Amino acid sequence: FALLMIVTASAMAFSHGSNDVANATGPVAAVLSILETGEIAQSSPVPIYVLFIGAIGIVVGLATYGVRVIRTVGEKITELRPSRGFAANLAAASTVVFASSTGLPISTTHTLVGAVLGVGLARGVDALDWSVIRNIVVSWVVTLPIAAVLSATFYFILVFLFT
């Protein structure tokens, strides 16, 4: 399974790029289109330089803060051997590519965590580190209201400064 892990890890990297670069560059392309045309359109062209900026952002994010996420998912949720890693990567990559091709907005990291939980559960509930899983779930729950409050705060600051 070690050789197959290389294939599925590559598939996971491809799916990560296809999903997350699109999530990051879509709003930027929409803003650029509004600035150019002055109108809000149903779809916006994505300049190639925006895609490159998104790709660079993904790489920088993975190289800096992504290391902690990679370590948590790969080592702390459950013990992953090559066969388990293969199954988790194959399931997650397939799900993310399918969602990206159909336009479903999903999180690559959430999908991979779910896949790792699945291979851990296949070994039994005792194979999972429930304290790590609790911390992950709490971070997911807390992120939504924090993002909402920050978004509203930035909006009101920008409205105050520019109107």
Protein backbone atom coordinates (compact mmCIF):
# COMPACT_ATOMS: atom_id res chain seq x y z
CA PHE A 1 0.00 0.00 0.00
CA ALA A 2 2.95 2.37 0.34
CA LEU A 3 3.16 2.85 -3.44
CA LEU A 4 -0.62 3.26 -3.68
CA MET A 5 -0.38 5.88 -0.93
CA ILE A 6 1.72 8.01 -3.26
CA VAL A 7 -1.02 7.82 -5.89
CA THR A 8 -3.83 8.69 -3.46
CA ALA A 9 -1.77 11.41 -1.78
CA SER A 10 -1.28 12.94 -5.23
CA ALA A 11 -5.02 12.65 -5.85
CA MET A 12 -5.66 14.35 -2.52
CA ALA A 13 -3.27 17.18 -3.43
CA PHE A 14 -5.04 17.59 -6.78
CA SER A 15 -8.47 17.62 -5.14
CA HIS A 16 -7.26 20.06 -2.49
CA GLY A 17 -6.04 22.43 -5.18
CA SER A 18 -9.16 22.05 -7.32
CA ASN A 19 -11.42 22.82 -4.38
CA ASP A 20 -9.58 25.28 -2.16
CA VAL A 21 -7.98 27.46 -4.84
CA ALA A 22 -11.45 27.88 -6.35
CA ASN A 23 -12.89 28.77 -2.92
CA ALA A 24 -10.19 31.39 -2.43
CA THR A 25 -10.13 32.90 -5.91
CA GLY A 26 -13.88 33.00 -6.60
CA PRO A 27 -14.61 35.97 -4.33
CA VAL A 28 -11.50 37.79 -5.59
CA ALA A 29 -12.63 37.31 -9.20
CA ALA A 30 -16.11 38.59 -8.29
CA VAL A 31 -14.69 41.72 -6.64
CA LEU A 32 -12.40 42.39 -9.62
CA SER A 33 -15.32 41.99 -12.00
CA ILE A 34 -17.45 44.42 -9.98
CA LEU A 35 -14.60 46.95 -9.91
CA GLU A 36 -14.16 46.68 -13.70
CA THR A 37 -17.81 46.68 -14.78
CA GLY A 38 -19.58 48.32 -11.86
CA GLU A 39 -22.19 45.55 -11.97
CA ILE A 40 -22.81 42.40 -10.00
CA ALA A 41 -22.98 39.45 -12.41
CA GLN A 42 -24.03 35.84 -11.96
CA SER A 43 -20.52 34.70 -12.91
CA SER A 44 -17.16 36.40 -13.28
CA PRO A 45 -14.09 35.64 -15.37
CA VAL A 46 -11.10 34.51 -13.34
CA PRO A 47 -7.85 36.08 -14.56
CA ILE A 48 -4.93 33.65 -14.67
CA TYR A 49 -2.88 35.78 -12.27
CA VAL A 50 -5.64 35.39 -9.66
CA LEU A 51 -5.33 31.60 -9.98
CA PHE A 52 -1.56 31.85 -9.47
CA ILE A 53 -2.03 34.04 -6.39
CA GLY A 54 -4.52 31.50 -5.03
CA ALA A 55 -2.13 28.63 -5.68
CA ILE A 56 0.71 30.48 -3.96
CA GLY A 57 -1.59 31.21 -1.01
CA ILE A 58 -2.48 27.53 -0.67
CA VAL A 59 1.20 26.53 -0.70
CA VAL A 60 2.18 29.20 1.85
CA GLY A 61 -0.74 28.22 4.09
CA LEU A 62 0.15 24.54 3.95
CA ALA A 63 3.84 25.25 4.56
CA THR A 64 3.17 27.41 7.60
CA TYR A 65 -0.01 26.71 9.56
CA GLY A 66 -0.96 23.61 7.59
CA VAL A 67 1.79 21.60 9.22
CA ARG A 68 -0.17 21.46 12.50
CA VAL A 69 -3.34 20.38 10.70
CA ILE A 70 -1.47 17.72 8.73
CA ARG A 71 0.12 16.38 11.91
CA THR A 72 -3.22 16.27 13.74
CA VAL A 73 -5.09 14.53 10.92
CA GLY A 74 -2.25 12.16 10.07
CA GLU A 75 -1.04 11.19 13.53
CA LYS A 76 -3.34 12.19 16.35
CA ILE A 77 -6.90 11.10 15.46
CA THR A 78 -6.08 7.43 14.99
CA GLU A 79 -3.13 5.28 14.00
CA LEU A 80 -2.75 5.32 10.23
CA ARG A 81 -0.90 2.57 8.44
CA PRO A 82 -0.41 2.69 4.65
CA SER A 83 -3.57 0.66 3.99
CA ARG A 84 -5.67 2.92 6.22
CA GLY A 85 -4.10 6.07 4.81
CA PHE A 86 -4.78 4.77 1.32
CA ALA A 87 -8.45 4.18 2.13
CA ALA A 88 -8.85 7.60 3.79
CA ASN A 89 -7.08 9.48 0.99
CA LEU A 90 -9.00 7.64 -1.72
CA ALA A 91 -12.35 8.35 -0.05
CA ALA A 92 -11.55 12.00 0.66
CA ALA A 93 -10.05 12.73 -2.76
CA SER A 94 -12.99 11.09 -4.54
CA THR A 95 -15.48 13.07 -2.47
CA VAL A 96 -13.71 16.40 -2.98
CA VAL A 97 -13.25 15.91 -6.74
CA PHE A 98 -16.93 14.94 -7.10
CA ALA A 99 -18.03 17.97 -5.07
CA SER A 100 -15.75 20.30 -7.02
CA SER A 101 -17.00 19.01 -10.36
CA THR A 102 -20.63 19.47 -9.32
CA GLY A 103 -20.08 22.85 -7.68
CA LEU A 104 -20.80 21.74 -4.12
CA PRO A 105 -18.92 23.89 -1.60
CA ILE A 106 -17.16 21.57 0.83
CA SER A 107 -14.11 21.74 3.03
CA THR A 108 -11.20 19.54 1.99
CA THR A 109 -9.95 19.34 5.57
CA HIS A 110 -13.38 18.43 6.98
CA THR A 111 -13.70 15.72 4.34
CA LEU A 112 -10.29 14.26 5.13
CA VAL A 113 -11.00 14.32 8.87
CA GLY A 114 -14.24 12.45 8.17
CA ALA A 115 -12.37 9.87 6.10
CA VAL A 116 -9.75 9.37 8.84
CA LEU A 117 -12.54 9.03 11.41
CA GLY A 118 -14.10 6.40 9.15
CA VAL A 119 -10.98 4.23 8.97
CA GLY A 120 -10.53 4.69 12.72
CA LEU A 121 -14.12 3.64 13.42
CA ALA A 122 -13.61 0.58 11.21
CA ARG A 123 -11.13 -0.55 13.89
CA GLY A 124 -13.54 0.25 16.73
CA VAL A 125 -14.34 3.29 18.85
CA ASP A 126 -11.34 2.65 21.10
CA ALA A 127 -8.99 3.24 18.14
CA LEU A 128 -9.89 6.94 18.10
CA ASP A 129 -8.46 9.67 20.32
CA TRP A 130 -11.70 11.27 21.46
CA SER A 131 -9.99 14.29 23.06
CA VAL A 132 -8.48 15.23 19.69
CA ILE A 133 -11.83 14.70 17.97
CA ARG A 134 -13.55 16.86 20.61
CA ASN A 135 -11.06 19.68 19.99
CA ILE A 136 -11.62 19.44 16.23
CA VAL A 137 -15.41 19.56 16.58
CA VAL A 138 -15.24 22.47 19.04
CA SER A 139 -13.00 24.39 16.62
CA TRP A 140 -15.52 23.77 13.81
CA VAL A 141 -18.44 24.97 15.95
CA VAL A 142 -16.62 28.05 17.28
CA THR A 143 -15.34 29.10 13.85
CA LEU A 144 -18.78 29.94 12.44
CA PRO A 145 -19.88 32.58 15.00
CA ILE A 146 -16.37 34.06 15.19
CA ALA A 147 -16.27 34.44 11.41
CA ALA A 148 -19.76 36.00 11.45
CA VAL A 149 -18.81 38.54 14.13
CA LEU A 150 -15.53 39.44 12.40
CA SER A 151 -17.27 39.76 9.04
CA ALA A 152 -19.91 42.11 10.47
CA THR A 153 -17.22 44.11 12.29
CA PHE A 154 -15.12 44.55 9.14
CA TYR A 155 -18.24 45.47 7.16
CA PHE A 156 -19.25 48.21 9.60
CA ILE A 157 -15.69 49.56 9.78
CA LEU A 158 -15.47 49.72 5.97
CA VAL A 159 -18.90 51.35 5.68
CA PHE A 160 -17.89 53.92 8.30
CA LEU A 161 -14.58 54.66 6.55
CA PHE A 162 -15.86 54.85 2.97
CA THR A 163 -19.33 56.39 3.23
